C-alpha atoms as a PDB file:
ATOM      1  CA  MET A   1      31.167  75.948  82.378  1.00  0.00           C
ATOM      2  CA  THR A   2      33.293  79.003  82.612  1.00  0.00           C
ATOM      3  CA  ALA A   3      31.799  82.459  82.616  1.00  0.00           C
ATOM      4  CA  LEU A   4      32.948  84.913  80.000  1.00  0.00           C
ATOM      5  CA  ALA A   5      34.829  87.866  81.351  1.00  0.00           C
ATOM      6  CA  PRO A   6      33.195  91.230  80.611  1.00  0.00           C
ATOM      7  CA  THR A   7      34.808  93.161  77.789  1.00  0.00           C
ATOM      8  CA  PRO A   8      36.480  96.280  79.114  1.00  0.00           C
ATOM      9  CA  ARG A   9      34.969  99.546  77.916  1.00  0.00           C
ATOM     10  CA  THR A  10      37.209 101.801  75.882  1.00  0.00           C
ATOM     11  CA  ALA A  11      36.936 105.443  74.974  1.00  0.00           C
ATOM     12  CA  SER A  12      37.056 104.678  71.263  1.00  0.00           C
ATOM     13  CA  GLY A  13      33.325 103.966  71.108  1.00  0.00           C
ATOM     14  CA  THR A  14      32.444 107.339  72.568  1.00  0.00           C
ATOM     15  CA  ARG A  15      34.693 109.386  70.284  1.00  0.00           C
ATOM     16  CA  PRO A  16      32.248 109.609  67.331  1.00  0.00           C
ATOM     17  CA  ALA A  17      29.465 110.798  69.626  1.00  0.00           C
ATOM     18  CA  LEU A  18      31.769 113.356  71.191  1.00  0.00           C
ATOM     19  CA  ARG A  19      32.804 114.548  67.743  1.00  0.00           C
ATOM     20  CA  ARG A  20      29.165 114.883  66.674  1.00  0.00           C
ATOM     21  CA  ARG A  21      28.288 116.861  69.794  1.00  0.00           C
ATOM     22  CA  ALA A  22      31.328 119.088  69.332  1.00  0.00           C
ATOM     23  CA  SER A  23      30.540 119.657  65.659  1.00  0.00           C
ATOM     24  CA  SER A  24      26.909 120.506  66.457  1.00  0.00           C
ATOM     25  CA  LYS A  25      28.062 122.977  69.104  1.00  0.00           C
ATOM     26  CA  ASP A  26      30.496 124.558  66.647  1.00  0.00           C
ATOM     27  CA  ALA A  27      27.759 124.801  64.031  1.00  0.00           C
ATOM     28  CA  GLY A  28      25.447 126.423  66.568  1.00  0.00           C
ATOM     29  CA  ARG A  29      28.099 128.958  67.518  1.00  0.00           C
ATOM     30  CA  THR A  30      28.744 129.702  63.846  1.00  0.00           C
ATOM     31  CA  ARG A  31      25.046 130.268  63.170  1.00  0.00           C
ATOM     32  CA  ALA A  32      24.729 132.491  66.237  1.00  0.00           C
ATOM     33  CA  ALA A  33      27.768 134.530  65.218  1.00  0.00           C
ATOM     34  CA  ALA A  34      26.429 134.857  61.675  1.00  0.00           C
ATOM     35  CA  GLY A  35      23.060 135.996  63.025  1.00  0.00           C
ATOM     36  CA  VAL A  36      24.661 138.613  65.257  1.00  0.00           C
ATOM     37  CA  ALA A  37      26.809 139.855  62.374  1.00  0.00           C
ATOM     38  CA  ALA A  38      23.759 140.052  60.120  1.00  0.00           C
ATOM     39  CA  TRP A  39      21.849 142.111  62.705  1.00  0.00           C
ATOM     40  CA  ILE A  40      24.822 144.440  63.192  1.00  0.00           C
ATOM     41  CA  LEU A  41      25.127 144.978  59.437  1.00  0.00           C
ATOM     42  CA  ALA A  42      21.374 145.516  59.123  1.00  0.00           C
ATOM     43  CA  LEU A  43      21.444 148.137  61.876  1.00  0.00           C
ATOM     44  CA  LEU A  44      24.425 149.852  60.263  1.00  0.00           C
ATOM     45  CA  PHE A  45      22.659 150.032  56.903  1.00  0.00           C
ATOM     46  CA  ALA A  46      19.367 151.120  58.494  1.00  0.00           C
ATOM     47  CA  SER A  47      20.877 153.693  60.843  1.00  0.00           C
ATOM     48  CA  PRO A  48      20.944 156.562  58.280  1.00  0.00           C
ATOM     49  CA  VAL A  49      17.283 155.937  57.465  1.00  0.00           C
ATOM     50  CA  LEU A  50      16.330 155.750  61.135  1.00  0.00           C
ATOM     51  CA  TRP A  51      18.309 158.948  61.789  1.00  0.00           C
ATOM     52  CA  MET A  52      16.498 160.668  58.909  1.00  0.00           C
ATOM     53  CA  VAL A  53      13.104 159.653  60.334  1.00  0.00           C
ATOM     54  CA  LEU A  54      14.057 160.841  63.829  1.00  0.00           C
ATOM     55  CA  THR A  55      15.387 164.146  62.514  1.00  0.00           C
ATOM     56  CA  SER A  56      12.153 164.777  60.638  1.00  0.00           C
ATOM     57  CA  PHE A  57      10.331 164.894  63.982  1.00  0.00           C
ATOM     58  CA  HIS A  58      12.680 167.499  65.472  1.00  0.00           C
ATOM     59  CA  SER A  59      12.459 171.238  65.250  1.00  0.00           C
ATOM     60  CA  GLU A  60      14.867 173.006  62.916  1.00  0.00           C
ATOM     61  CA  ALA A  61      16.889 174.348  65.838  1.00  0.00           C
ATOM     62  CA  ASP A  62      17.266 170.875  67.386  1.00  0.00           C
ATOM     63  CA  ALA A  63      18.028 169.269  64.019  1.00  0.00           C
ATOM     64  CA  ALA A  64      20.856 171.733  63.392  1.00  0.00           C
ATOM     65  CA  THR A  65      22.645 171.143  66.715  1.00  0.00           C
ATOM     66  CA  ASN A  66      26.129 169.650  66.630  1.00  0.00           C
ATOM     67  CA  PRO A  67      26.425 167.081  68.076  1.00  0.00           C
ATOM     68  CA  PRO A  68      22.762 166.210  67.378  1.00  0.00           C
ATOM     69  CA  SER A  69      20.420 165.726  70.292  1.00  0.00           C
ATOM     70  CA  LEU A  70      18.645 162.387  70.532  1.00  0.00           C
ATOM     71  CA  ALA A  71      16.461 163.487  73.437  1.00  0.00           C
ATOM     72  CA  ALA A  72      15.091 166.609  71.737  1.00  0.00           C
ATOM     73  CA  ASP A  73      11.366 167.250  71.783  1.00  0.00           C
ATOM     74  CA  LEU A  74       9.368 165.686  68.959  1.00  0.00           C
ATOM     75  CA  THR A  75       7.178 167.806  66.740  1.00  0.00           C
ATOM     76  CA  LEU A  76       5.293 167.596  63.425  1.00  0.00           C
ATOM     77  CA  ASP A  77       6.274 171.073  62.281  1.00  0.00           C
ATOM     78  CA  ALA A  78       8.480 169.782  59.460  1.00  0.00           C
ATOM     79  CA  TYR A  79       5.634 167.648  58.058  1.00  0.00           C
ATOM     80  CA  ARG A  80       3.233 170.567  58.308  1.00  0.00           C
ATOM     81  CA  GLU A  81       5.741 172.670  56.390  1.00  0.00           C
ATOM     82  CA  PHE A  82       6.085 169.947  53.760  1.00  0.00           C
ATOM     83  CA  PHE A  83       2.327 169.821  53.185  1.00  0.00           C
ATOM     84  CA  GLY A  84       2.178 173.611  52.909  1.00  0.00           C
ATOM     85  CA  ALA A  85       0.614 174.560  56.234  1.00  0.00           C
ATOM     86  CA  THR A  86       2.601 177.798  56.398  1.00  0.00           C
ATOM     87  CA  SER A  87       3.864 178.344  52.847  1.00  0.00           C
ATOM     88  CA  GLY A  88       0.674 177.292  51.034  1.00  0.00           C
ATOM     89  CA  VAL A  89       2.692 175.264  48.483  1.00  0.00           C
ATOM     90  CA  SER A  90       1.089 171.855  48.003  1.00  0.00           C
ATOM     91  CA  PRO A  91       3.278 168.790  47.392  1.00  0.00           C
ATOM     92  CA  TRP A  92       0.518 166.867  45.636  1.00  0.00           C
ATOM     93  CA  PRO A  93       1.180 168.057  42.048  1.00  0.00           C
ATOM     94  CA  PRO A  94       4.858 166.962  42.166  1.00  0.00           C
ATOM     95  CA  LEU A  95       3.877 163.659  43.788  1.00  0.00           C
ATOM     96  CA  ILE A  96       1.233 163.050  41.121  1.00  0.00           C
ATOM     97  CA  ASN A  97       3.762 163.936  38.404  1.00  0.00           C
ATOM     98  CA  SER A  98       6.256 161.455  39.840  1.00  0.00           C
ATOM     99  CA  ALA A  99       3.630 158.730  40.057  1.00  0.00           C
ATOM    100  CA  THR A 100       2.431 159.399  36.501  1.00  0.00           C
ATOM    101  CA  ALA A 101       5.915 159.433  35.016  1.00  0.00           C
ATOM    102  CA  SER A 102       7.081 156.385  36.969  1.00  0.00           C
ATOM    103  CA  VAL A 103       4.038 154.191  36.339  1.00  0.00           C
ATOM    104  CA  LEU A 104       3.549 155.047  32.656  1.00  0.00           C
ATOM    105  CA  SER A 105       7.249 154.749  31.831  1.00  0.00           C
ATOM    106  CA  THR A 106       7.406 151.385  33.603  1.00  0.00           C
ATOM    107  CA  VAL A 107       4.436 150.122  31.590  1.00  0.00           C
ATOM    108  CA  LEU A 108       6.038 151.299  28.337  1.00  0.00           C
ATOM    109  CA  VAL A 109       9.340 149.676  29.310  1.00  0.00           C
ATOM    110  CA  LEU A 110       7.646 146.323  29.914  1.00  0.00           C
ATOM    111  CA  VAL A 111       5.686 146.533  26.668  1.00  0.00           C
ATOM    112  CA  LEU A 112       8.915 147.088  24.729  1.00  0.00           C
ATOM    113  CA  ALA A 113      11.287 144.925  26.781  1.00  0.00           C
ATOM    114  CA  ILE A 114       9.294 141.680  26.867  1.00  0.00           C
ATOM    115  CA  PRO A 115       9.137 141.205  23.045  1.00  0.00           C
ATOM    116  CA  ALA A 116      12.793 142.261  22.747  1.00  0.00           C
ATOM    117  CA  ALA A 117      13.828 139.783  25.447  1.00  0.00           C
ATOM    118  CA  TYR A 118      11.703 137.097  23.734  1.00  0.00           C
ATOM    119  CA  ALA A 119      13.631 137.665  20.513  1.00  0.00           C
ATOM    120  CA  LEU A 120      16.976 137.520  22.326  1.00  0.00           C
ATOM    121  CA  SER A 121      16.310 134.463  24.490  1.00  0.00           C
ATOM    122  CA  ILE A 122      13.563 132.152  23.265  1.00  0.00           C
ATOM    123  CA  LYS A 123      13.875 133.003  19.560  1.00  0.00           C
ATOM    124  CA  PRO A 124      17.476 134.218  19.470  1.00  0.00           C
ATOM    125  CA  VAL A 125      18.486 136.477  16.604  1.00  0.00           C
ATOM    126  CA  LYS A 126      21.903 136.417  14.969  1.00  0.00           C
ATOM    127  CA  LYS A 127      24.691 137.955  17.048  1.00  0.00           C
ATOM    128  CA  TRP A 128      22.349 138.393  20.014  1.00  0.00           C
ATOM    129  CA  THR A 129      25.352 138.960  22.299  1.00  0.00           C
ATOM    130  CA  ASP A 130      26.286 142.039  20.243  1.00  0.00           C
ATOM    131  CA  VAL A 131      22.738 143.311  20.640  1.00  0.00           C
ATOM    132  CA  LEU A 132      22.897 142.894  24.413  1.00  0.00           C
ATOM    133  CA  PHE A 133      26.262 144.657  24.507  1.00  0.00           C
ATOM    134  CA  PHE A 134      24.779 147.536  22.522  1.00  0.00           C
ATOM    135  CA  PHE A 135      21.976 147.853  25.065  1.00  0.00           C
ATOM    136  CA  LEU A 136      24.531 147.825  27.878  1.00  0.00           C
ATOM    137  CA  SER A 137      26.754 150.379  26.128  1.00  0.00           C
ATOM    138  CA  THR A 138      23.935 152.926  26.225  1.00  0.00           C
ATOM    139  CA  LYS A 139      24.289 152.983  30.037  1.00  0.00           C
ATOM    140  CA  MET A 140      28.042 153.660  29.918  1.00  0.00           C
ATOM    141  CA  MET A 141      27.717 157.344  29.035  1.00  0.00           C
ATOM    142  CA  PRO A 142      27.070 159.589  32.058  1.00  0.00           C
ATOM    143  CA  VAL A 143      23.628 161.151  32.067  1.00  0.00           C
ATOM    144  CA  VAL A 144      25.109 164.599  32.591  1.00  0.00           C
ATOM    145  CA  ALA A 145      26.817 164.325  29.173  1.00  0.00           C
ATOM    146  CA  ALA A 146      23.420 164.052  27.495  1.00  0.00           C
ATOM    147  CA  VAL A 147      21.661 166.745  29.494  1.00  0.00           C
ATOM    148  CA  LEU A 148      22.574 169.649  27.218  1.00  0.00           C
ATOM    149  CA  PRO A 149      21.568 167.923  23.929  1.00  0.00           C
ATOM    150  CA  LEU A 150      18.323 166.779  25.498  1.00  0.00           C
ATOM    151  CA  PHE A 151      17.617 170.261  26.825  1.00  0.00           C
ATOM    152  CA  LEU A 152      18.256 171.850  23.422  1.00  0.00           C
ATOM    153  CA  PHE A 153      16.104 169.243  21.690  1.00  0.00           C
ATOM    154  CA  ALA A 154      13.266 169.708  24.185  1.00  0.00           C
ATOM    155  CA  LYS A 155      13.513 173.501  23.855  1.00  0.00           C
ATOM    156  CA  THR A 156      13.387 173.299  20.028  1.00  0.00           C
ATOM    157  CA  ALA A 157      10.488 170.839  20.092  1.00  0.00           C
ATOM    158  CA  GLY A 158       8.577 172.815  22.706  1.00  0.00           C
ATOM    159  CA  ALA A 159       8.698 169.868  25.120  1.00  0.00           C
ATOM    160  CA  LEU A 160      10.224 171.600  28.138  1.00  0.00           C
ATOM    161  CA  ASP A 161       8.219 171.223  31.333  1.00  0.00           C
ATOM    162  CA  ASN A 162       6.182 168.481  29.658  1.00  0.00           C
ATOM    163  CA  ILE A 163       5.381 165.306  31.579  1.00  0.00           C
ATOM    164  CA  TRP A 164       5.093 163.218  28.394  1.00  0.00           C
ATOM    165  CA  PHE A 165       8.631 164.104  27.307  1.00  0.00           C
ATOM    166  CA  LEU A 166       9.832 163.126  30.787  1.00  0.00           C
ATOM    167  CA  ILE A 167       8.010 159.789  30.438  1.00  0.00           C
ATOM    168  CA  LEU A 168       9.813 159.227  27.139  1.00  0.00           C
ATOM    169  CA  MET A 169      13.159 159.976  28.785  1.00  0.00           C
ATOM    170  CA  TYR A 170      12.470 157.587  31.665  1.00  0.00           C
ATOM    171  CA  THR A 171      11.433 154.877  29.226  1.00  0.00           C
ATOM    172  CA  SER A 172      14.638 155.188  27.229  1.00  0.00           C
ATOM    173  CA  MET A 173      16.664 155.328  30.438  1.00  0.00           C
ATOM    174  CA  ASN A 174      15.253 152.074  31.874  1.00  0.00           C
ATOM    175  CA  LEU A 175      14.761 150.061  28.677  1.00  0.00           C
ATOM    176  CA  PRO A 176      18.336 148.636  28.418  1.00  0.00           C
ATOM    177  CA  ILE A 177      18.300 147.343  32.006  1.00  0.00           C
ATOM    178  CA  ALA A 178      14.825 145.882  31.530  1.00  0.00           C
ATOM    179  CA  VAL A 179      15.863 144.028  28.362  1.00  0.00           C
ATOM    180  CA  TRP A 180      18.867 142.551  30.128  1.00  0.00           C
ATOM    181  CA  MET A 181      16.805 141.424  33.107  1.00  0.00           C
ATOM    182  CA  MET A 182      13.893 140.071  31.085  1.00  0.00           C
ATOM    183  CA  ARG A 183      16.246 138.201  28.766  1.00  0.00           C
ATOM    184  CA  SER A 184      17.660 136.201  31.701  1.00  0.00           C
ATOM    185  CA  PHE A 185      14.159 135.565  33.055  1.00  0.00           C
ATOM    186  CA  LEU A 186      12.648 134.434  29.755  1.00  0.00           C
ATOM    187  CA  ALA A 187      15.576 132.122  29.125  1.00  0.00           C
ATOM    188  CA  GLU A 188      14.210 129.993  31.977  1.00  0.00           C
ATOM    189  CA  VAL A 189      10.839 129.430  30.292  1.00  0.00           C
ATOM    190  CA  PRO A 190      10.614 125.793  29.076  1.00  0.00           C
ATOM    191  CA  VAL A 191      10.707 125.598  25.301  1.00  0.00           C
ATOM    192  CA  GLU A 192       8.276 122.656  25.401  1.00  0.00           C
ATOM    193  CA  MET A 193       5.491 124.939  26.632  1.00  0.00           C
ATOM    194  CA  LEU A 194       6.008 127.290  23.703  1.00  0.00           C
ATOM    195  CA  GLU A 195       6.093 124.452  21.205  1.00  0.00           C
ATOM    196  CA  ALA A 196       2.862 123.008  22.637  1.00  0.00           C
ATOM    197  CA  ALA A 197       1.165 126.415  22.406  1.00  0.00           C
ATOM    198  CA  GLN A 198       2.326 126.871  18.808  1.00  0.00           C
ATOM    199  CA  LEU A 199       1.023 123.405  17.908  1.00  0.00           C
ATOM    200  CA  ASP A 200      -2.347 124.488  19.282  1.00  0.00           C
ATOM    201  CA  GLY A 201      -2.319 127.449  16.884  1.00  0.00           C
ATOM    202  CA  ALA A 202      -1.397 130.226  19.327  1.00  0.00           C
ATOM    203  CA  GLY A 203       0.152 133.308  17.785  1.00  0.00           C
ATOM    204  CA  LEU A 204       2.983 135.427  19.179  1.00  0.00           C
ATOM    205  CA  VAL A 205       0.751 137.821  21.115  1.00  0.00           C
ATOM    206  CA  LEU A 206      -1.224 134.937  22.653  1.00  0.00           C
ATOM    207  CA  VAL A 207       1.963 133.082  23.566  1.00  0.00           C
ATOM    208  CA  LEU A 208       3.375 136.184  25.262  1.00  0.00           C
ATOM    209  CA  ARG A 209       0.151 136.871  27.137  1.00  0.00           C
ATOM    210  CA  LYS A 210      -1.012 133.360  28.088  1.00  0.00           C
ATOM    211  CA  VAL A 211       2.174 131.292  28.307  1.00  0.00           C
ATOM    212  CA  ILE A 212       5.221 133.444  28.939  1.00  0.00           C
ATOM    213  CA  ALA A 213       3.713 136.145  31.159  1.00  0.00           C
ATOM    214  CA  PRO A 214       2.363 133.758  33.878  1.00  0.00           C
ATOM    215  CA  VAL A 215       5.609 131.777  34.020  1.00  0.00           C
ATOM    216  CA  ALA A 216       7.871 134.836  34.045  1.00  0.00           C
ATOM    217  CA  MET A 217       5.646 136.907  36.340  1.00  0.00           C
ATOM    218  CA  PRO A 218       8.212 137.049  39.190  1.00  0.00           C
ATOM    219  CA  GLY A 219      10.805 138.356  36.763  1.00  0.00           C
ATOM    220  CA  ILE A 220       8.352 140.849  35.296  1.00  0.00           C
ATOM    221  CA  ALA A 221       7.472 142.070  38.794  1.00  0.00           C
ATOM    222  CA  ALA A 222      11.152 142.458  39.720  1.00  0.00           C
ATOM    223  CA  THR A 223      11.881 144.362  36.506  1.00  0.00           C
ATOM    224  CA  ALA A 224       8.845 146.604  36.954  1.00  0.00           C
ATOM    225  CA  LEU A 225       9.762 147.420  40.551  1.00  0.00           C
ATOM    226  CA  ILE A 226      13.354 148.314  39.685  1.00  0.00           C
ATOM    227  CA  CYS A 227      12.244 150.513  36.766  1.00  0.00           C
ATOM    228  CA  PHE A 228       9.676 152.199  38.991  1.00  0.00           C
ATOM    229  CA  ILE A 229      12.310 152.920  41.667  1.00  0.00           C
ATOM    230  CA  PHE A 230      14.784 154.305  39.118  1.00  0.00           C
ATOM    231  CA  SER A 231      12.108 156.573  37.635  1.00  0.00           C
ATOM    232  CA  TRP A 232      10.756 157.717  40.995  1.00  0.00           C
ATOM    233  CA  ASN A 233      14.217 158.625  42.337  1.00  0.00           C
ATOM    234  CA  GLU A 234      15.550 160.291  39.175  1.00  0.00           C
ATOM    235  CA  LEU A 235      16.511 163.919  39.754  1.00  0.00           C
ATOM    236  CA  LEU A 236      18.914 165.248  37.116  1.00  0.00           C
ATOM    237  CA  LEU A 237      16.672 164.964  34.051  1.00  0.00           C
ATOM    238  CA  ALA A 238      13.634 166.145  35.981  1.00  0.00           C
ATOM    239  CA  ARG A 239      15.568 169.118  37.346  1.00  0.00           C
ATOM    240  CA  VAL A 240      16.761 170.211  33.883  1.00  0.00           C
ATOM    241  CA  LEU A 241      13.751 169.339  31.698  1.00  0.00           C
ATOM    242  CA  THR A 242      10.857 170.343  33.977  1.00  0.00           C
ATOM    243  CA  GLY A 243       9.770 173.452  35.805  1.00  0.00           C
ATOM    244  CA  VAL A 244       6.479 174.358  37.463  1.00  0.00           C
ATOM    245  CA  VAL A 245       3.993 172.174  35.597  1.00  0.00           C
ATOM    246  CA  ALA A 246       5.842 168.848  35.295  1.00  0.00           C
ATOM    247  CA  GLY A 247       8.130 169.078  38.341  1.00  0.00           C
ATOM    248  CA  THR A 248       8.546 165.785  40.184  1.00  0.00           C
ATOM    249  CA  ALA A 249       8.809 164.930  43.869  1.00  0.00           C
ATOM    250  CA  PRO A 250      12.650 164.866  44.014  1.00  0.00           C
ATOM    251  CA  VAL A 251      12.722 168.323  42.433  1.00  0.00           C
ATOM    252  CA  PHE A 252      10.180 169.523  44.987  1.00  0.00           C
ATOM    253  CA  LEU A 253      12.386 168.126  47.756  1.00  0.00           C
ATOM    254  CA  THR A 254      15.398 170.140  46.627  1.00  0.00           C
ATOM    255  CA  GLY A 255      13.309 173.289  46.954  1.00  0.00           C
ATOM    256  CA  PHE A 256      13.581 173.049  50.736  1.00  0.00           C
ATOM    257  CA  VAL A 257      17.368 173.492  50.597  1.00  0.00           C
ATOM    258  CA  SER A 258      18.115 177.191  50.952  1.00  0.00           C
ATOM    259  CA  SER A 259      21.096 179.391  51.717  1.00  0.00           C
ATOM    260  CA  GLN A 260      19.334 180.727  54.814  1.00  0.00           C
ATOM    261  CA  GLY A 261      19.990 177.527  56.771  1.00  0.00           C
ATOM    262  CA  LEU A 262      17.707 175.639  59.165  1.00  0.00           C
ATOM    263  CA  PHE A 263      16.192 173.350  56.549  1.00  0.00           C
ATOM    264  CA  LEU A 264      17.403 169.915  57.692  1.00  0.00           C
ATOM    265  CA  ALA A 265      14.193 168.827  59.415  1.00  0.00           C
ATOM    266  CA  LYS A 266      12.026 169.852  56.433  1.00  0.00           C
ATOM    267  CA  VAL A 267      14.322 168.002  54.017  1.00  0.00           C
ATOM    268  CA  CYS A 268      14.186 164.874  56.171  1.00  0.00           C
ATOM    269  CA  ALA A 269      10.400 165.060  56.408  1.00  0.00           C
ATOM    270  CA  ALA A 270      10.135 165.461  52.630  1.00  0.00           C
ATOM    271  CA  ALA A 271      12.510 162.548  52.086  1.00  0.00           C
ATOM    272  CA  VAL A 272      10.455 160.319  54.392  1.00  0.00           C
ATOM    273  CA  VAL A 273       7.179 161.136  52.644  1.00  0.00           C
ATOM    274  CA  ILE A 274       8.649 160.764  49.149  1.00  0.00           C
ATOM    275  CA  SER A 275      10.238 157.424  50.086  1.00  0.00           C
ATOM    276  CA  LEU A 276       6.961 155.885  51.270  1.00  0.00           C
ATOM    277  CA  PRO A 277       5.573 154.917  47.807  1.00  0.00           C
ATOM    278  CA  VAL A 278       8.784 153.072  46.972  1.00  0.00           C
ATOM    279  CA  LEU A 279       8.735 151.280  50.348  1.00  0.00           C
ATOM    280  CA  PHE A 280       5.074 150.290  49.929  1.00  0.00           C
ATOM    281  CA  ALA A 281       5.742 149.014  46.404  1.00  0.00           C
ATOM    282  CA  GLY A 282       8.723 147.019  47.652  1.00  0.00           C
ATOM    283  CA  PHE A 283       6.777 145.437  50.519  1.00  0.00           C
ATOM    284  CA  ALA A 284       3.833 144.639  48.260  1.00  0.00           C
ATOM    285  CA  ALA A 285       6.022 142.889  45.684  1.00  0.00           C
ATOM    286  CA  GLN A 286       8.739 141.513  47.942  1.00  0.00           C
ATOM    287  CA  ASP A 287       7.820 137.841  47.339  1.00  0.00           C
ATOM    288  CA  LYS A 288       7.858 138.181  43.570  1.00  0.00           C
ATOM    289  CA  LEU A 289      10.933 140.399  43.780  1.00  0.00           C
ATOM    290  CA  VAL A 290      12.930 137.721  45.611  1.00  0.00           C
ATOM    291  CA  GLN A 291      11.676 135.031  43.223  1.00  0.00           C
ATOM    292  CA  GLY A 292      12.470 137.149  40.202  1.00  0.00           C
ATOM    293  CA  LEU A 293      15.949 138.190  41.277  1.00  0.00           C
ATOM    294  CA  SER A 294      16.840 134.578  42.186  1.00  0.00           C
ATOM    295  CA  LEU A 295      15.308 133.080  39.043  1.00  0.00           C
ATOM    296  CA  GLY A 296      17.927 131.138  37.169  1.00  0.00           C
ATOM    297  CA  ALA A 297      20.454 131.292  40.012  1.00  0.00           C
ATOM    298  CA  VAL A 298      20.113 127.571  40.725  1.00  0.00           C
ATOM    299  CA  LYS A 299      20.035 125.032  37.957  1.00  0.00           C
END
């Protein structure tokens, strides 16, 4: 009985394994490079904000140096100045005005935008694309072109320096964007749920409150946050239409800019404080914001 000769080993059997190891190494290098690039971009985008925060803790003399000094002594003088330690001017009325105008206008926008988006998505009206284009066309005109007519109207109506007129302006400013966003969100609501609710005898208000609102809550949260940010950061209308009584936080911030110089640290401190509500709102709603902005992106 003859013994079988051993089969010689070839390199062909090891080639797939080598290819897999090489491909996994290439994928790892690609992921590492993408991570490094993402961190570099994040630092580049965050560097102005970090520089603003650092400058707010410097004295006015150190903040005005060119080139700026990173190792300058830290102080809270700019924050004390912002809260009126030396001037006696309190920032709380403008902050309260901004919060009032932003929150109430956002609530009004949602109350008006959700039924409008329902009519344009779930129960579409005729020529609904023309309606959406009309909403979008209202954002094409620069705000500065409408400032003078609005000022004259407010002056005639006795609404200058009135927080309620500012709320109305913010509502009209954010309503087109809210309708566009809510229309795309409500289009993702299953029609079967609405039909089942209507078979059970639910009316329009009950359907909006009990069926659509829970399903579209991420989209509602994303829309509300964006409208709140737009209202909180708005400056031009608030600068023209308000004064002492209804002045908002951005208008109060511009009051630190003077022709006498040495105001950079105070402006940075004011910007940091005024940015905190928006940052807190964003962190509080970040999960729903991501869900809402990605809703409908994947079928």
